Amino acid sequence: MTKDHTATVDLLLTRIDWLVLCDADMTVVERGAVAVDGGVIVDAGPCDALEARYRAREVVRLPGHLVMPGLVNTHVHAAMTLFRGIGDDLPLQTWLQEVIFPAEARHVDGAFVELGTVLACAEMLLGGTTTFCDGYFFEEAAARAAARSGIRAVLGQGVLDFPSPDLKDPSRARARVEAFLEAAGSWPETLRPSLFCHAPYTCGPETLRWVKDLCRRRGILFQIHVSETRWEVEEIERKYGKRPVFHLDELGVLDSLTLCAHGVWLDEDEIGVLAERGAAVSHNVESNLKLASGMAPVAALLRAGVPVGLGTDGCASNNDLDLFSEMALTARLHKAVTGDPTVCPARDVLRMATVHGARAVGLAHETGSLESGKRADLIALRIDQPHLTPLYDPISHVVYAARSSDVNHVWVDGRQVVRDGQLLTLDVPEILREAERIAAAVRSDTHIWSDGSGNSV
């Protein structure tokens, strides 16, 4: 860390009312500042010290704000923003088989994915999410969208053992994956490739092995849905004679670069295996509740030392990409489920949305906390508002009181992408017009809808 009083940096954020670092000690600084140079955090601490230590090419004074790391959404199907609200109030398998899979087959192509992902990036950046971990089809198009927006992303190309929107012949999956990874070689440094085997019930043992082997050789994240529903657990037990985590462990796919989405129906022994292997879990509380999938054993996962991040899932099963609401619900709901008001305290939940989320998607060395040497992914919340006054504990406020609409400024990699609540990198009105155009086509031939009472019409 530079201590030269004459040091010059690109950016100094200063006069910040509250600075929440999300470091190992969950340090909170009253009247703080952050120095940034070359897209990297150089220093963070009391503003008087940093103002004396650094001269900056750009100085941004932020009284009335709380500054913290950008949020990390560990499980998204970003392009599904364009399916937001279709087939609501249905069981997961009915929703997938009768609504989503047919709609994807008819509508999803590269243009659909690029537009849907751009829409998702706009929503996430405006709501304080600076990193997301995606899993879908045509992920080259998702990469173009993410690059346009300026967001940080881990982009997982979907793999299944049956035809998908971007691969009608599953026997060519290896060639499809290799083409995706080759394309990723030209991406900006803010984007990373990943491979996403949909689930143990849609990908057989051979597929799971070769995909994970390729991920391991490339040093990239392997993603998979695990134990999202009771049906899935029963199906894997029927087919392979063991619960999903033991099935995956026997195949050798669990390690510190494996992300298991959902984990609702994990038992104690499975949690122990995940902890031993270093695999992470993405907790998607709102999606799990909406689909009545159940409640993941988050308190037990945290006690066991399993890295747990927060995710929204796709907009078709949430129906938003708001990590502030995910934090608030996670902190509250697990207290009710366990009958213990001490579980999932605000500090742990904020870690899940930041530094632990970054660890879960393989980016702990780059983002998730405001520490020297990490990339400058920061958000500033306006706190001079009735619902945030008075403020005694900034961490509690972020989890229990703040809203995504409180996000006023956002920087990714040191570049400001949101200023005064306005997205600087994308033409939002044009995106909305294009989304409505696609929605008209989807609306015209999607035949299963919810009428609000749980009945399809």
Protein backbone atom coordinates (compact mmCIF):
# COMPACT_ATOMS: atom_id res chain seq x y z
CA MET A 1 0.00 0.00 0.00
CA THR A 2 1.40 3.38 -0.95
CA LYS A 3 1.96 5.70 2.03
CA ASP A 4 3.69 8.54 0.18
CA HIS A 5 1.98 11.82 1.09
CA THR A 6 2.44 12.97 -2.49
CA ALA A 7 0.95 9.84 -4.07
CA THR A 8 -1.52 10.50 -6.90
CA VAL A 9 -4.45 8.18 -7.61
CA ASP A 10 -7.20 8.15 -10.20
CA LEU A 11 -10.14 8.42 -7.81
CA LEU A 12 -10.77 9.37 -4.20
CA LEU A 13 -14.21 8.77 -2.72
CA THR A 14 -14.29 10.77 0.49
CA ARG A 15 -16.44 12.42 3.18
CA ILE A 16 -18.43 9.17 3.27
CA ASP A 17 -20.70 8.97 6.32
CA TRP A 18 -20.21 5.20 6.71
CA LEU A 19 -17.76 2.84 5.03
CA VAL A 20 -18.44 -0.93 5.32
CA LEU A 21 -15.39 -2.90 4.19
CA CYS A 22 -16.70 -6.51 4.40
CA ASP A 23 -13.17 -7.62 5.25
CA ALA A 24 -12.40 -10.47 7.69
CA ASP A 25 -13.26 -8.25 10.67
CA MET A 26 -16.31 -6.66 8.99
CA THR A 27 -14.70 -3.28 9.66
CA VAL A 28 -16.96 -0.21 9.70
CA VAL A 29 -15.44 3.26 9.36
CA GLU A 30 -17.35 6.40 10.26
CA ARG A 31 -16.45 9.31 7.98
CA GLY A 32 -14.40 7.22 5.57
CA ALA A 33 -12.69 7.32 2.19
CA VAL A 34 -11.51 4.97 -0.56
CA ALA A 35 -8.57 5.55 -2.90
CA VAL A 36 -8.62 3.86 -6.31
CA ASP A 37 -5.95 3.69 -9.00
CA GLY A 38 -5.95 1.69 -12.23
CA GLY A 39 -9.27 0.12 -11.27
CA VAL A 40 -7.74 -1.25 -8.04
CA ILE A 41 -8.44 -0.26 -4.44
CA VAL A 42 -5.25 1.29 -3.07
CA ASP A 43 -6.48 2.23 0.41
CA ALA A 44 -9.66 2.46 2.48
CA GLY A 45 -10.09 4.05 5.88
CA PRO A 46 -10.71 7.34 7.70
CA CYS A 47 -11.13 10.22 5.27
CA ASP A 48 -8.82 12.62 7.13
CA ALA A 49 -5.93 10.17 6.75
CA LEU A 50 -6.61 9.41 3.08
CA GLU A 51 -7.13 13.06 2.15
CA ALA A 52 -3.71 13.79 3.62
CA ARG A 53 -2.10 10.81 1.95
CA TYR A 54 -3.42 11.03 -1.63
CA ARG A 55 -4.04 13.53 -4.37
CA ALA A 56 -6.64 12.36 -6.89
CA ARG A 57 -7.40 13.17 -10.50
CA GLU A 58 -11.06 12.86 -9.54
CA VAL A 59 -12.49 13.52 -6.08
CA VAL A 60 -16.05 12.47 -5.26
CA ARG A 61 -17.44 13.66 -1.92
CA LEU A 62 -20.24 11.50 -0.59
CA PRO A 63 -21.83 12.97 2.54
CA GLY A 64 -25.14 11.32 3.30
CA HIS A 65 -23.95 8.01 1.83
CA LEU A 66 -22.90 4.55 2.92
CA VAL A 67 -20.23 2.96 0.71
CA MET A 68 -19.69 -0.80 0.57
CA PRO A 69 -18.60 -3.52 -1.87
CA GLY A 70 -20.86 -4.20 -4.81
CA LEU A 71 -23.14 -7.20 -4.29
CA VAL A 72 -22.42 -10.61 -5.86
CA ASN A 73 -25.36 -12.55 -7.33
CA THR A 74 -24.13 -16.16 -7.31
CA HIS A 75 -26.92 -17.76 -9.36
CA VAL A 76 -28.75 -16.13 -12.27
CA HIS A 77 -30.28 -17.15 -15.57
CA ALA A 78 -29.99 -13.58 -16.80
CA ALA A 79 -31.71 -13.87 -20.18
CA MET A 80 -34.85 -15.14 -18.44
CA THR A 81 -35.75 -11.55 -17.62
CA LEU A 82 -37.70 -11.82 -20.87
CA PHE A 83 -39.78 -14.63 -19.30
CA ARG A 84 -40.49 -12.63 -16.15
CA GLY A 85 -43.91 -13.61 -14.83
CA ILE A 86 -44.91 -16.39 -17.24
CA GLY A 87 -46.34 -19.50 -15.63
CA ASP A 88 -46.40 -18.15 -12.09
CA ASP A 89 -47.75 -20.23 -9.19
CA LEU A 90 -46.94 -23.65 -10.61
CA PRO A 91 -44.87 -26.56 -9.23
CA LEU A 92 -41.27 -26.60 -10.45
CA GLN A 93 -41.52 -29.64 -12.74
CA THR A 94 -44.82 -28.43 -14.24
CA TRP A 95 -43.38 -24.96 -14.68
CA LEU A 96 -40.25 -26.32 -16.37
CA GLN A 97 -41.78 -29.02 -18.55
CA GLU A 98 -45.00 -27.28 -19.62
CA VAL A 99 -44.04 -23.60 -19.65
CA ILE A 100 -40.33 -22.79 -19.63
CA PHE A 101 -38.83 -25.54 -21.80
CA PRO A 102 -41.43 -25.04 -24.58
CA ALA A 103 -41.06 -21.26 -24.42
CA GLU A 104 -37.27 -21.57 -24.62
CA ALA A 105 -37.52 -23.93 -27.59
CA ARG A 106 -39.68 -21.44 -29.48
CA HIS A 107 -38.01 -18.14 -28.60
CA VAL A 108 -34.48 -18.44 -27.27
CA ASP A 109 -31.68 -17.59 -29.70
CA GLY A 110 -28.59 -15.40 -29.53
CA ALA A 111 -30.49 -12.15 -29.98
CA PHE A 112 -32.96 -13.13 -27.24
CA VAL A 113 -30.13 -13.95 -24.83
CA GLU A 114 -28.23 -10.74 -25.54
CA LEU A 115 -31.29 -8.56 -25.00
CA GLY A 116 -32.48 -10.46 -21.94
CA THR A 117 -29.02 -10.29 -20.40
CA VAL A 118 -28.69 -6.57 -21.13
CA LEU A 119 -32.03 -6.04 -19.37
CA ALA A 120 -30.78 -8.11 -16.43
CA CYS A 121 -27.51 -6.18 -16.24
CA ALA A 122 -29.40 -2.90 -16.15
CA GLU A 123 -31.59 -4.13 -13.31
CA MET A 124 -28.66 -5.52 -11.34
CA LEU A 125 -26.37 -2.50 -11.70
CA LEU A 126 -29.12 -0.07 -10.74
CA GLY A 127 -29.79 -2.28 -7.70
CA GLY A 128 -26.18 -2.47 -6.51
CA THR A 129 -25.11 -5.82 -7.93
CA THR A 130 -21.69 -5.50 -9.57
CA THR A 131 -20.96 -9.22 -10.18
CA PHE A 132 -23.24 -12.02 -11.32
CA CYS A 133 -22.77 -15.70 -12.04
CA ASP A 134 -24.86 -16.80 -15.00
CA GLY A 135 -25.92 -20.12 -16.40
CA TYR A 136 -27.82 -20.35 -19.69
CA PHE A 137 -27.51 -20.91 -23.44
CA PHE A 138 -25.82 -18.80 -26.13
CA GLU A 139 -23.48 -17.47 -23.45
CA GLU A 140 -21.32 -15.72 -26.05
CA ALA A 141 -24.32 -13.41 -26.47
CA ALA A 142 -24.56 -13.00 -22.70
CA ALA A 143 -20.90 -11.97 -22.71
CA ARG A 144 -21.58 -9.27 -25.30
CA ALA A 145 -24.38 -7.94 -23.11
CA ALA A 146 -22.30 -7.97 -19.93
CA ALA A 147 -19.40 -6.23 -21.67
CA ARG A 148 -21.74 -3.50 -22.93
CA SER A 149 -23.07 -2.86 -19.44
CA GLY A 150 -19.70 -2.82 -17.66
CA ILE A 151 -20.71 -5.39 -15.04
CA ARG A 152 -18.41 -8.16 -13.77
CA ALA A 153 -19.61 -11.68 -14.59
CA VAL A 154 -18.90 -15.39 -14.54
CA LEU A 155 -20.75 -16.79 -17.55
CA GLY A 156 -21.69 -20.46 -17.56
CA GLN A 157 -22.48 -22.19 -20.84
CA GLY A 158 -25.31 -24.64 -20.21
CA VAL A 159 -24.81 -28.36 -20.85
CA LEU A 160 -27.60 -30.97 -20.96
CA ASP A 161 -28.02 -34.49 -22.27
CA PHE A 162 -31.02 -33.53 -24.39
CA PRO A 163 -31.60 -30.91 -27.08
CA SER A 164 -31.33 -27.30 -25.95
CA PRO A 165 -31.90 -23.96 -27.69
CA ASP A 166 -28.29 -23.67 -28.86
CA LEU A 167 -27.55 -27.37 -29.41
CA LYS A 168 -30.14 -29.53 -31.12
CA ASP A 169 -27.77 -32.54 -31.15
CA PRO A 170 -26.49 -33.28 -27.60
CA SER A 171 -23.80 -35.59 -29.02
CA ARG A 172 -22.00 -32.42 -30.15
CA ALA A 173 -21.84 -30.95 -26.63
CA ARG A 174 -18.04 -31.13 -26.42
CA ALA A 175 -17.63 -29.21 -29.66
CA ARG A 176 -20.15 -26.62 -28.47
CA VAL A 177 -18.29 -26.17 -25.18
CA GLU A 178 -14.90 -25.90 -26.90
CA ALA A 179 -16.25 -23.21 -29.24
CA PHE A 180 -17.59 -21.29 -26.24
CA LEU A 181 -14.26 -21.46 -24.41
CA GLU A 182 -12.38 -20.36 -27.51
CA ALA A 183 -14.65 -17.33 -27.83
CA ALA A 184 -14.03 -16.49 -24.18
CA GLY A 185 -10.36 -15.90 -24.98
CA SER A 186 -11.23 -12.49 -26.41
CA TRP A 187 -13.41 -11.32 -23.50
CA PRO A 188 -12.49 -8.34 -21.30
CA GLU A 189 -10.90 -9.14 -17.95
CA THR A 190 -14.18 -8.44 -16.13
CA LEU A 191 -15.72 -11.56 -17.69
CA ARG A 192 -14.85 -15.18 -16.92
CA PRO A 193 -16.11 -18.39 -18.57
CA SER A 194 -17.73 -21.24 -16.67
CA LEU A 195 -19.55 -24.46 -17.55
CA PHE A 196 -22.97 -25.28 -16.17
CA CYS A 197 -24.28 -28.85 -16.10
CA HIS A 198 -27.96 -28.26 -15.50
CA ALA A 199 -28.57 -30.97 -12.86
CA PRO A 200 -27.72 -34.59 -12.00
CA TYR A 201 -31.09 -35.64 -13.47
CA THR A 202 -30.48 -33.91 -16.84
CA CYS A 203 -26.77 -34.75 -17.15
CA GLY A 204 -25.55 -38.33 -16.89
CA PRO A 205 -22.37 -39.46 -15.13
CA GLU A 206 -20.23 -39.36 -18.28
CA THR A 207 -21.28 -35.79 -19.05
CA LEU A 208 -20.67 -34.64 -15.48
CA ARG A 209 -17.20 -36.19 -15.50
CA TRP A 210 -15.95 -34.75 -18.78
CA VAL A 211 -17.38 -31.28 -18.12
CA LYS A 212 -15.81 -31.13 -14.66
CA ASP A 213 -12.53 -32.47 -16.02
CA LEU A 214 -12.48 -29.69 -18.60
CA CYS A 215 -13.27 -27.10 -15.91
CA ARG A 216 -10.49 -28.46 -13.73
CA ARG A 217 -7.96 -28.34 -16.56
CA ARG A 218 -8.97 -24.78 -17.42
CA GLY A 219 -9.21 -23.63 -13.80
CA ILE A 220 -12.79 -22.40 -14.25
CA LEU A 221 -15.98 -22.70 -12.21
CA PHE A 222 -18.23 -25.75 -12.56
CA GLN A 223 -21.89 -25.02 -11.81
CA ILE A 224 -24.81 -27.37 -11.20
CA HIS A 225 -28.29 -27.34 -9.66
CA VAL A 226 -28.26 -29.67 -6.64
CA SER A 227 -31.14 -30.90 -4.47
CA GLU A 228 -33.50 -28.10 -5.40
CA THR A 229 -36.60 -30.26 -4.85
CA ARG A 230 -37.63 -33.38 -2.95
CA TRP A 231 -38.49 -34.93 -6.33
CA GLU A 232 -34.89 -34.50 -7.52
CA VAL A 233 -33.49 -36.26 -4.45
CA GLU A 234 -35.91 -39.15 -4.87
CA GLU A 235 -35.14 -39.40 -8.59
CA ILE A 236 -31.37 -39.54 -8.04
CA GLU A 237 -31.76 -42.08 -5.25
CA ARG A 238 -33.97 -44.22 -7.50
CA LYS A 239 -31.58 -44.01 -10.44
CA TYR A 240 -28.19 -44.20 -8.70
CA GLY A 241 -28.92 -45.56 -5.25
CA LYS A 242 -27.60 -42.55 -3.37
CA ARG A 243 -28.43 -38.94 -2.56
CA PRO A 244 -27.29 -36.23 -5.02
CA VAL A 245 -24.20 -34.97 -3.17
CA PHE A 246 -22.87 -38.52 -2.69
CA HIS A 247 -23.58 -39.22 -6.36
CA LEU A 248 -21.61 -36.13 -7.40
CA ASP A 249 -18.81 -36.89 -4.95
CA GLU A 250 -18.44 -40.40 -6.33
CA LEU A 251 -18.06 -38.87 -9.79
CA GLY A 252 -15.29 -36.58 -8.50
CA VAL A 253 -16.92 -33.27 -9.43
CA LEU A 254 -16.93 -31.59 -6.01
CA ASP A 255 -14.07 -29.23 -5.14
CA SER A 256 -13.40 -25.57 -4.36
CA LEU A 257 -14.36 -24.56 -7.91
CA THR A 258 -17.78 -26.24 -7.78
CA LEU A 259 -20.90 -24.16 -7.16
CA CYS A 260 -24.06 -26.02 -6.13
CA ALA A 261 -27.19 -23.96 -6.72
CA HIS A 262 -30.06 -24.23 -4.22
CA GLY A 263 -29.11 -27.13 -1.93
CA VAL A 264 -32.60 -27.14 -0.41
CA TRP A 265 -32.80 -30.83 0.48
CA LEU A 266 -29.26 -31.43 1.74
CA ASP A 267 -28.94 -33.68 4.78
CA GLU A 268 -26.28 -33.47 7.49
CA ASP A 269 -23.98 -36.02 5.88
CA GLU A 270 -24.14 -34.25 2.52
CA ILE A 271 -23.31 -30.94 4.18
CA GLY A 272 -20.24 -32.61 5.69
CA VAL A 273 -19.10 -33.80 2.25
CA LEU A 274 -19.52 -30.31 0.75
CA ALA A 275 -17.52 -28.80 3.60
CA GLU A 276 -14.75 -31.38 3.22
CA ARG A 277 -14.50 -30.84 -0.53
CA GLY A 278 -14.67 -27.04 -0.30
CA ALA A 279 -17.66 -26.82 -2.65
CA ALA A 280 -19.91 -23.76 -2.36
CA VAL A 281 -23.70 -23.36 -2.25
CA SER A 282 -25.80 -20.57 -3.76
CA HIS A 283 -28.84 -19.86 -1.60
CA ASN A 284 -31.86 -18.63 -3.59
CA VAL A 285 -34.45 -17.99 -0.91
CA GLU A 286 -37.09 -16.12 -2.92
CA SER A 287 -37.11 -18.56 -5.82
CA ASN A 288 -37.22 -21.53 -3.45
CA LEU A 289 -40.19 -20.04 -1.63
CA LYS A 290 -42.09 -19.07 -4.78
CA LEU A 291 -41.73 -22.56 -6.26
CA ALA A 292 -42.43 -24.18 -2.86
CA SER A 293 -39.17 -26.08 -3.23
CA GLY A 294 -38.41 -25.81 0.47
CA MET A 295 -35.90 -24.07 2.69
CA ALA A 296 -32.16 -24.71 2.41
CA PRO A 297 -30.39 -25.56 5.70
CA VAL A 298 -28.33 -22.37 5.62
CA ALA A 299 -27.61 -22.26 9.35
CA ALA A 300 -26.20 -25.80 9.20
CA LEU A 301 -24.17 -25.00 6.08
CA LEU A 302 -22.62 -21.96 7.75
CA ARG A 303 -21.83 -23.92 10.93
CA ALA A 304 -20.07 -26.55 8.82
CA GLY A 305 -17.97 -23.93 7.07
CA VAL A 306 -19.49 -24.36 3.60
CA PRO A 307 -19.09 -21.15 1.55
CA VAL A 308 -22.61 -19.83 0.97
CA GLY A 309 -23.48 -17.01 -1.39
CA LEU A 310 -26.82 -15.45 -2.26
CA GLY A 311 -28.52 -15.76 -5.63
CA THR A 312 -31.76 -14.63 -7.15
CA ASP A 313 -32.21 -17.41 -9.71
CA GLY A 314 -33.85 -16.27 -12.95
CA CYS A 315 -36.60 -13.68 -13.20
CA ALA A 316 -39.04 -16.33 -14.34
CA SER A 317 -38.99 -17.88 -10.86
CA ASN A 318 -38.33 -14.93 -8.54
CA ASN A 319 -39.42 -12.45 -10.27
CA ASP A 320 -36.63 -9.92 -9.79
CA LEU A 321 -32.85 -9.68 -9.44
CA ASP A 322 -32.83 -7.74 -6.17
CA LEU A 323 -30.16 -8.90 -3.71
CA PHE A 324 -31.26 -6.45 -1.03
CA SER A 325 -34.58 -8.25 -0.73
CA GLU A 326 -32.74 -11.60 -0.76
CA MET A 327 -30.59 -10.42 2.16
CA ALA A 328 -33.57 -9.18 4.16
CA LEU A 329 -35.56 -12.37 3.65
CA THR A 330 -32.60 -14.68 4.32
CA ALA A 331 -31.82 -12.96 7.62
CA ARG A 332 -35.44 -13.08 8.78
CA LEU A 333 -36.76 -16.36 7.45
CA HIS A 334 -34.09 -18.67 8.82
CA LYS A 335 -34.72 -17.28 12.29
CA ALA A 336 -38.35 -18.29 11.99
CA VAL A 337 -37.58 -21.70 10.46
CA THR A 338 -35.07 -22.63 13.18
CA GLY A 339 -36.81 -20.85 16.04
CA ASP A 340 -33.49 -19.21 16.84
CA PRO A 341 -33.23 -15.39 16.49
CA THR A 342 -29.43 -15.59 16.50
CA VAL A 343 -29.01 -17.56 13.25
CA CYS A 344 -28.15 -15.77 10.00
CA PRO A 345 -27.18 -12.52 11.73
CA ALA A 346 -26.84 -9.43 9.58
CA ARG A 347 -23.05 -9.70 9.43
CA ASP A 348 -23.16 -13.24 8.08
CA VAL A 349 -25.85 -12.41 5.55
CA LEU A 350 -23.95 -9.37 4.29
CA ARG A 351 -20.88 -11.59 3.88
CA MET A 352 -23.01 -14.00 1.84
CA ALA A 353 -23.98 -11.14 -0.49
CA THR A 354 -20.42 -9.86 -0.85
CA VAL A 355 -17.14 -11.56 0.08
CA HIS A 356 -18.55 -15.09 0.54
CA GLY A 357 -20.45 -14.74 -2.72
CA ALA A 358 -17.22 -13.78 -4.45
CA ARG A 359 -15.56 -16.87 -2.94
CA ALA A 360 -18.44 -19.05 -4.14
CA VAL A 361 -17.97 -17.99 -7.78
CA GLY A 362 -14.16 -18.16 -7.70
CA LEU A 363 -13.48 -14.42 -7.46
CA ALA A 364 -12.54 -13.96 -3.79
CA HIS A 365 -9.14 -12.55 -4.78
CA GLU A 366 -10.75 -9.90 -7.01
CA THR A 367 -13.94 -8.58 -5.46
CA GLY A 368 -16.40 -8.83 -2.56
CA SER A 369 -14.60 -6.55 -0.06
CA LEU A 370 -12.98 -3.12 0.02
CA GLU A 371 -9.38 -4.11 0.59
CA SER A 372 -6.07 -3.02 -0.89
CA GLY A 373 -5.34 -4.91 -4.09
CA LYS A 374 -8.91 -5.86 -4.95
CA ARG A 375 -10.75 -4.48 -7.95
CA ALA A 376 -12.75 -1.34 -7.24
CA ASP A 377 -16.33 -2.65 -7.29
CA LEU A 378 -18.21 -0.27 -4.99
CA ILE A 379 -21.72 0.98 -4.38
CA ALA A 380 -22.92 4.10 -2.56
CA LEU A 381 -26.33 4.13 -0.86
CA ARG A 382 -28.17 7.31 0.07
CA ILE A 383 -28.85 7.08 3.80
CA ASP A 384 -30.34 10.53 4.46
CA GLN A 385 -33.85 9.10 4.08
CA PRO A 386 -36.71 8.46 6.53
CA HIS A 387 -36.54 4.66 6.34
CA LEU A 388 -32.79 4.75 7.09
CA THR A 389 -32.92 7.25 9.96
CA PRO A 390 -31.63 7.04 12.64
CA LEU A 391 -28.63 4.81 11.89
CA TYR A 392 -26.91 3.01 14.78
CA ASP A 393 -25.45 -0.06 13.04
CA PRO A 394 -24.63 0.31 9.32
CA ILE A 395 -24.44 -3.45 8.73
CA SER A 396 -27.87 -3.98 10.28
CA HIS A 397 -29.25 -1.17 8.15
CA VAL A 398 -27.91 -2.67 4.91
CA VAL A 399 -29.55 -6.04 5.62
CA TYR A 400 -32.77 -5.10 7.42
CA ALA A 401 -33.69 -1.61 6.20
CA ALA A 402 -31.99 -0.70 2.93
CA ARG A 403 -33.56 -1.20 -0.48
CA SER A 404 -32.10 -1.58 -3.93
CA SER A 405 -33.65 1.78 -4.80
CA ASP A 406 -31.33 3.40 -2.25
CA VAL A 407 -28.33 2.70 -4.51
CA ASN A 408 -27.20 6.05 -5.88
CA HIS A 409 -23.75 5.42 -7.38
CA VAL A 410 -21.98 2.29 -8.67
CA TRP A 411 -18.40 1.66 -9.77
CA VAL A 412 -17.15 -1.55 -11.41
CA ASP A 413 -13.42 -2.00 -11.88
CA GLY A 414 -13.00 1.64 -10.91
CA ARG A 415 -15.33 2.86 -13.68
CA GLN A 416 -18.51 4.63 -12.68
CA VAL A 417 -21.50 2.91 -14.29
CA VAL A 418 -24.33 4.44 -12.24
CA ARG A 419 -24.44 8.11 -11.22
CA ASP A 420 -27.28 9.66 -9.23
CA GLY A 421 -29.40 6.60 -9.88
CA GLN A 422 -28.92 6.74 -13.65
CA LEU A 423 -27.22 3.99 -15.65
CA LEU A 424 -24.38 5.46 -17.71
CA THR A 425 -23.49 2.51 -19.93
CA LEU A 426 -26.79 1.48 -21.49
CA ASP A 427 -29.81 3.14 -23.12
CA VAL A 428 -32.45 1.91 -20.70
CA PRO A 429 -35.54 3.25 -22.55
CA GLU A 430 -34.38 1.52 -25.75
CA ILE A 431 -33.79 -1.73 -23.86
CA LEU A 432 -37.31 -1.58 -22.44
CA ARG A 433 -38.80 -0.97 -25.89
CA GLU A 434 -36.95 -3.97 -27.31
CA ALA A 435 -37.99 -6.13 -24.36
CA GLU A 436 -41.64 -5.25 -24.95
CA ARG A 437 -41.23 -6.23 -28.61
CA ILE A 438 -39.96 -9.68 -27.61
CA ALA A 439 -42.67 -9.96 -24.95
CA ALA A 440 -45.35 -9.45 -27.58
CA ALA A 441 -44.08 -12.52 -29.45
CA VAL A 442 -43.87 -14.59 -26.26
CA ARG A 443 -47.33 -13.46 -25.19
CA SER A 444 -48.84 -14.47 -28.53
CA ASP A 445 -47.99 -18.16 -28.31
CA THR A 446 -47.39 -19.05 -24.66
CA HIS A 447 -50.47 -20.96 -23.56
CA ILE A 448 -49.94 -21.56 -19.86
CA TRP A 449 -50.35 -18.55 -17.64
CA SER A 450 -51.21 -17.99 -14.00
CA ASP A 451 -54.43 -16.12 -13.29
CA GLY A 452 -53.12 -15.09 -9.87
CA SER A 453 -54.90 -17.85 -7.97
CA GLY A 454 -52.55 -20.68 -8.91
CA ASN A 455 -54.66 -21.87 -11.84
CA SER A 456 -53.38 -22.00 -15.39
CA VAL A 457 -55.42 -20.27 -18.05
